[in-house]
Amino acid sequence: METIEKVLEQTLTDEAVGNNNEIVLYNDDVNTFDHVIETLIRVCRHTGEQAEQCAILVHYKGKCTVKTGSFEELKPQCTQLLEAGLSAEIV
């Protein structure tokens, strides 16, 4: 029984650690608010309000976490953000 509990605890820990990645979007002087908002809606599946709030935070704070999850899930989304001309990275 104790071994099963340890395996379950380790599995839950591994899953939690695996979801600690974030896509951070950075401010730039090139992209418009509309482009950033539309891209976040399309790529990250944000609502309009959520995308607008992220765009405002990026503009005034310099960066904003726009998505969290596993690295495997975030990698294609970050790539799409970069291809759209936005500055982003997975941390």
N, C-alpha and C. Protein backbone atom coordinates (compact mmCIF):
# COMPACT_ATOMS: atom_id res chain seq x y z
N MET A 1 0.82 -1.20 0.00
CA MET A 1 0.00 0.00 0.00
C MET A 1 0.87 1.26 0.00
N GLU A 2 1.94 1.24 0.75
CA GLU A 2 2.81 2.41 0.85
C GLU A 2 3.48 2.71 -0.50
N THR A 3 3.87 1.69 -1.24
CA THR A 3 4.50 1.88 -2.55
C THR A 3 3.52 2.52 -3.52
N ILE A 4 2.29 2.10 -3.52
CA ILE A 4 1.27 2.68 -4.41
C ILE A 4 1.07 4.15 -4.09
N GLU A 5 1.04 4.48 -2.81
CA GLU A 5 0.88 5.88 -2.41
C GLU A 5 2.06 6.72 -2.88
N LYS A 6 3.28 6.18 -2.78
CA LYS A 6 4.46 6.91 -3.23
C LYS A 6 4.43 7.13 -4.74
N VAL A 7 4.03 6.12 -5.47
CA VAL A 7 3.95 6.23 -6.93
C VAL A 7 2.90 7.27 -7.31
N LEU A 8 1.75 7.23 -6.67
CA LEU A 8 0.69 8.19 -6.94
C LEU A 8 1.14 9.60 -6.61
N GLU A 9 1.79 9.77 -5.47
CA GLU A 9 2.30 11.09 -5.07
C GLU A 9 3.32 11.61 -6.08
N GLN A 10 4.24 10.75 -6.54
CA GLN A 10 5.24 11.15 -7.52
C GLN A 10 4.59 11.50 -8.85
N THR A 11 3.58 10.76 -9.26
CA THR A 11 2.87 11.04 -10.50
C THR A 11 2.18 12.40 -10.43
N LEU A 12 1.52 12.68 -9.33
CA LEU A 12 0.85 13.97 -9.15
C LEU A 12 1.86 15.10 -9.13
N THR A 13 3.01 14.88 -8.49
CA THR A 13 4.07 15.89 -8.45
C THR A 13 4.61 16.13 -9.85
N ASP A 14 4.87 15.08 -10.61
CA ASP A 14 5.38 15.22 -11.97
C ASP A 14 4.40 15.98 -12.85
N GLU A 15 3.11 15.70 -12.70
CA GLU A 15 2.11 16.40 -13.50
C GLU A 15 2.06 17.87 -13.13
N ALA A 16 2.15 18.18 -11.86
CA ALA A 16 2.11 19.58 -11.42
C ALA A 16 3.33 20.34 -11.92
N VAL A 17 4.49 19.72 -11.83
CA VAL A 17 5.72 20.36 -12.29
C VAL A 17 5.67 20.57 -13.80
N GLY A 18 5.10 19.62 -14.53
CA GLY A 18 5.02 19.70 -15.98
C GLY A 18 4.17 20.85 -16.47
N ASN A 19 3.29 21.37 -15.63
CA ASN A 19 2.41 22.46 -16.03
C ASN A 19 2.87 23.81 -15.52
N ASN A 20 4.11 23.91 -15.10
CA ASN A 20 4.61 25.16 -14.56
C ASN A 20 5.28 26.05 -15.60
N ASN A 21 5.13 25.75 -16.86
CA ASN A 21 5.72 26.57 -17.91
C ASN A 21 4.75 27.69 -18.26
N GLU A 22 5.31 28.80 -18.73
CA GLU A 22 4.50 29.96 -19.10
C GLU A 22 4.98 30.53 -20.42
N ILE A 23 4.06 31.05 -21.22
CA ILE A 23 4.44 31.88 -22.35
C ILE A 23 4.38 33.31 -21.86
N VAL A 24 5.52 34.00 -21.95
CA VAL A 24 5.58 35.41 -21.57
C VAL A 24 5.65 36.22 -22.86
N LEU A 25 4.75 37.17 -22.97
CA LEU A 25 4.70 38.08 -24.12
C LEU A 25 5.34 39.39 -23.71
N TYR A 26 6.23 39.93 -24.58
CA TYR A 26 6.97 41.15 -24.28
C TYR A 26 6.50 42.31 -25.15
N ASN A 27 6.65 43.51 -24.61
CA ASN A 27 6.28 44.72 -25.33
C ASN A 27 7.27 44.98 -26.46
N ASP A 28 6.77 45.60 -27.53
CA ASP A 28 7.62 46.07 -28.61
C ASP A 28 7.01 47.35 -29.16
N ASP A 29 7.74 48.01 -30.00
CA ASP A 29 7.26 49.25 -30.58
C ASP A 29 6.74 49.06 -32.00
N VAL A 30 6.49 47.81 -32.39
CA VAL A 30 6.13 47.50 -33.76
C VAL A 30 4.65 47.14 -33.91
N ASN A 31 4.16 46.25 -33.06
CA ASN A 31 2.82 45.70 -33.23
C ASN A 31 1.74 46.58 -32.62
N THR A 32 0.59 46.62 -33.30
CA THR A 32 -0.54 47.39 -32.80
C THR A 32 -1.30 46.59 -31.74
N PHE A 33 -2.09 47.30 -30.96
CA PHE A 33 -2.94 46.63 -29.97
C PHE A 33 -3.85 45.63 -30.67
N ASP A 34 -4.45 46.04 -31.78
CA ASP A 34 -5.38 45.16 -32.50
C ASP A 34 -4.69 43.87 -32.94
N HIS A 35 -3.47 43.99 -33.46
CA HIS A 35 -2.75 42.79 -33.91
C HIS A 35 -2.45 41.86 -32.73
N VAL A 36 -2.00 42.43 -31.63
CA VAL A 36 -1.71 41.61 -30.44
C VAL A 36 -2.98 40.93 -29.95
N ILE A 37 -4.06 41.65 -29.85
CA ILE A 37 -5.34 41.10 -29.37
C ILE A 37 -5.83 40.00 -30.28
N GLU A 38 -5.85 40.26 -31.59
CA GLU A 38 -6.32 39.25 -32.55
C GLU A 38 -5.45 38.00 -32.51
N THR A 39 -4.15 38.18 -32.35
CA THR A 39 -3.24 37.03 -32.30
C THR A 39 -3.45 36.21 -31.04
N LEU A 40 -3.64 36.87 -29.90
CA LEU A 40 -3.89 36.14 -28.65
C LEU A 40 -5.20 35.37 -28.71
N ILE A 41 -6.21 35.95 -29.34
CA ILE A 41 -7.49 35.25 -29.49
C ILE A 41 -7.31 34.02 -30.36
N ARG A 42 -6.61 34.18 -31.47
CA ARG A 42 -6.44 33.08 -32.43
C ARG A 42 -5.52 31.99 -31.89
N VAL A 43 -4.37 32.37 -31.36
CA VAL A 43 -3.35 31.40 -30.98
C VAL A 43 -3.58 30.83 -29.58
N CYS A 44 -3.84 31.68 -28.62
CA CYS A 44 -3.97 31.24 -27.22
C CYS A 44 -5.42 30.98 -26.81
N ARG A 45 -6.34 31.20 -27.74
CA ARG A 45 -7.78 31.00 -27.48
C ARG A 45 -8.28 31.86 -26.32
N HIS A 46 -7.77 33.09 -26.23
CA HIS A 46 -8.24 34.03 -25.23
C HIS A 46 -9.61 34.58 -25.65
N THR A 47 -10.37 35.03 -24.67
CA THR A 47 -11.55 35.82 -24.97
C THR A 47 -11.08 37.21 -25.40
N GLY A 48 -11.95 37.98 -25.99
CA GLY A 48 -11.58 39.34 -26.38
C GLY A 48 -11.13 40.17 -25.20
N GLU A 49 -11.87 40.05 -24.10
CA GLU A 49 -11.53 40.81 -22.89
C GLU A 49 -10.17 40.38 -22.32
N GLN A 50 -9.95 39.09 -22.28
CA GLN A 50 -8.68 38.56 -21.75
C GLN A 50 -7.51 39.02 -22.62
N ALA A 51 -7.67 38.96 -23.93
CA ALA A 51 -6.60 39.38 -24.84
C ALA A 51 -6.32 40.87 -24.70
N GLU A 52 -7.38 41.66 -24.55
CA GLU A 52 -7.21 43.11 -24.38
C GLU A 52 -6.47 43.42 -23.08
N GLN A 53 -6.83 42.74 -22.01
CA GLN A 53 -6.16 42.96 -20.73
C GLN A 53 -4.68 42.59 -20.81
N CYS A 54 -4.36 41.49 -21.50
CA CYS A 54 -2.96 41.10 -21.66
C CYS A 54 -2.21 42.15 -22.47
N ALA A 55 -2.82 42.65 -23.53
CA ALA A 55 -2.17 43.67 -24.37
C ALA A 55 -1.88 44.93 -23.57
N ILE A 56 -2.81 45.33 -22.72
CA ILE A 56 -2.62 46.52 -21.88
C ILE A 56 -1.49 46.28 -20.88
N LEU A 57 -1.48 45.11 -20.25
CA LEU A 57 -0.41 44.78 -19.30
C LEU A 57 0.96 44.78 -19.99
N VAL A 58 1.03 44.18 -21.16
CA VAL A 58 2.29 44.15 -21.90
C VAL A 58 2.75 45.57 -22.21
N HIS A 59 1.82 46.41 -22.62
CA HIS A 59 2.16 47.78 -22.99
C HIS A 59 2.71 48.57 -21.79
N TYR A 60 2.03 48.45 -20.65
CA TYR A 60 2.42 49.27 -19.49
C TYR A 60 3.46 48.63 -18.58
N LYS A 61 3.48 47.31 -18.50
CA LYS A 61 4.42 46.62 -17.61
C LYS A 61 5.62 46.04 -18.34
N GLY A 62 5.54 45.95 -19.67
CA GLY A 62 6.65 45.43 -20.45
C GLY A 62 6.56 43.96 -20.77
N LYS A 63 5.75 43.21 -20.00
CA LYS A 63 5.58 41.78 -20.26
C LYS A 63 4.34 41.28 -19.52
N CYS A 64 3.88 40.11 -19.96
CA CYS A 64 2.70 39.50 -19.34
C CYS A 64 2.70 38.01 -19.66
N THR A 65 2.37 37.19 -18.68
CA THR A 65 2.17 35.77 -18.93
C THR A 65 0.82 35.61 -19.62
N VAL A 66 0.84 35.01 -20.81
CA VAL A 66 -0.40 34.90 -21.58
C VAL A 66 -0.94 33.48 -21.61
N LYS A 67 -0.12 32.49 -21.21
CA LYS A 67 -0.59 31.11 -21.21
C LYS A 67 0.30 30.28 -20.30
N THR A 68 -0.28 29.32 -19.60
CA THR A 68 0.48 28.38 -18.78
C THR A 68 0.12 26.96 -19.20
N GLY A 69 1.03 26.03 -18.97
CA GLY A 69 0.77 24.64 -19.31
C GLY A 69 2.06 23.88 -19.46
N SER A 70 1.96 22.71 -20.06
CA SER A 70 3.15 21.89 -20.29
C SER A 70 3.95 22.47 -21.45
N PHE A 71 5.23 22.19 -21.45
CA PHE A 71 6.10 22.70 -22.52
C PHE A 71 5.60 22.23 -23.88
N GLU A 72 5.20 20.97 -23.97
CA GLU A 72 4.73 20.39 -25.23
C GLU A 72 3.50 21.12 -25.76
N GLU A 73 2.62 21.54 -24.87
CA GLU A 73 1.41 22.26 -25.24
C GLU A 73 1.74 23.70 -25.67
N LEU A 74 2.69 24.32 -24.98
CA LEU A 74 2.99 25.73 -25.21
C LEU A 74 3.90 25.97 -26.40
N LYS A 75 4.75 25.02 -26.74
CA LYS A 75 5.74 25.23 -27.80
C LYS A 75 5.10 25.65 -29.13
N PRO A 76 4.09 24.94 -29.64
CA PRO A 76 3.51 25.37 -30.92
C PRO A 76 2.81 26.73 -30.82
N GLN A 77 2.23 27.04 -29.67
CA GLN A 77 1.57 28.34 -29.50
C GLN A 77 2.60 29.46 -29.49
N CYS A 78 3.72 29.25 -28.79
CA CYS A 78 4.77 30.27 -28.75
C CYS A 78 5.34 30.48 -30.15
N THR A 79 5.53 29.40 -30.88
CA THR A 79 6.02 29.50 -32.25
C THR A 79 5.08 30.33 -33.11
N GLN A 80 3.78 30.12 -32.97
CA GLN A 80 2.80 30.90 -33.74
C GLN A 80 2.84 32.38 -33.36
N LEU A 81 3.02 32.67 -32.08
CA LEU A 81 3.13 34.06 -31.65
C LEU A 81 4.36 34.71 -32.29
N LEU A 82 5.48 33.99 -32.30
CA LEU A 82 6.70 34.51 -32.91
C LEU A 82 6.53 34.71 -34.41
N GLU A 83 5.87 33.75 -35.06
CA GLU A 83 5.64 33.86 -36.50
C GLU A 83 4.73 35.04 -36.84
N ALA A 84 3.89 35.43 -35.89
CA ALA A 84 3.01 36.58 -36.08
C ALA A 84 3.73 37.90 -35.80
N GLY A 85 5.02 37.81 -35.44
CA GLY A 85 5.81 39.01 -35.22
C GLY A 85 5.83 39.50 -33.79
N LEU A 86 5.26 38.74 -32.86
CA LEU A 86 5.26 39.13 -31.46
C LEU A 86 6.53 38.62 -30.78
N SER A 87 6.90 39.25 -29.67
CA SER A 87 8.05 38.83 -28.89
C SER A 87 7.56 38.00 -27.72
N ALA A 88 7.92 36.72 -27.71
CA ALA A 88 7.45 35.83 -26.66
C ALA A 88 8.49 34.73 -26.42
N GLU A 89 8.41 34.15 -25.21
CA GLU A 89 9.26 33.02 -24.88
C GLU A 89 8.58 32.15 -23.84
N ILE A 90 9.02 30.91 -23.77
CA ILE A 90 8.52 29.99 -22.74
C ILE A 90 9.51 30.02 -21.59
N VAL A 91 9.00 30.26 -20.38
CA VAL A 91 9.85 30.26 -19.19
C VAL A 91 9.35 29.26 -18.20
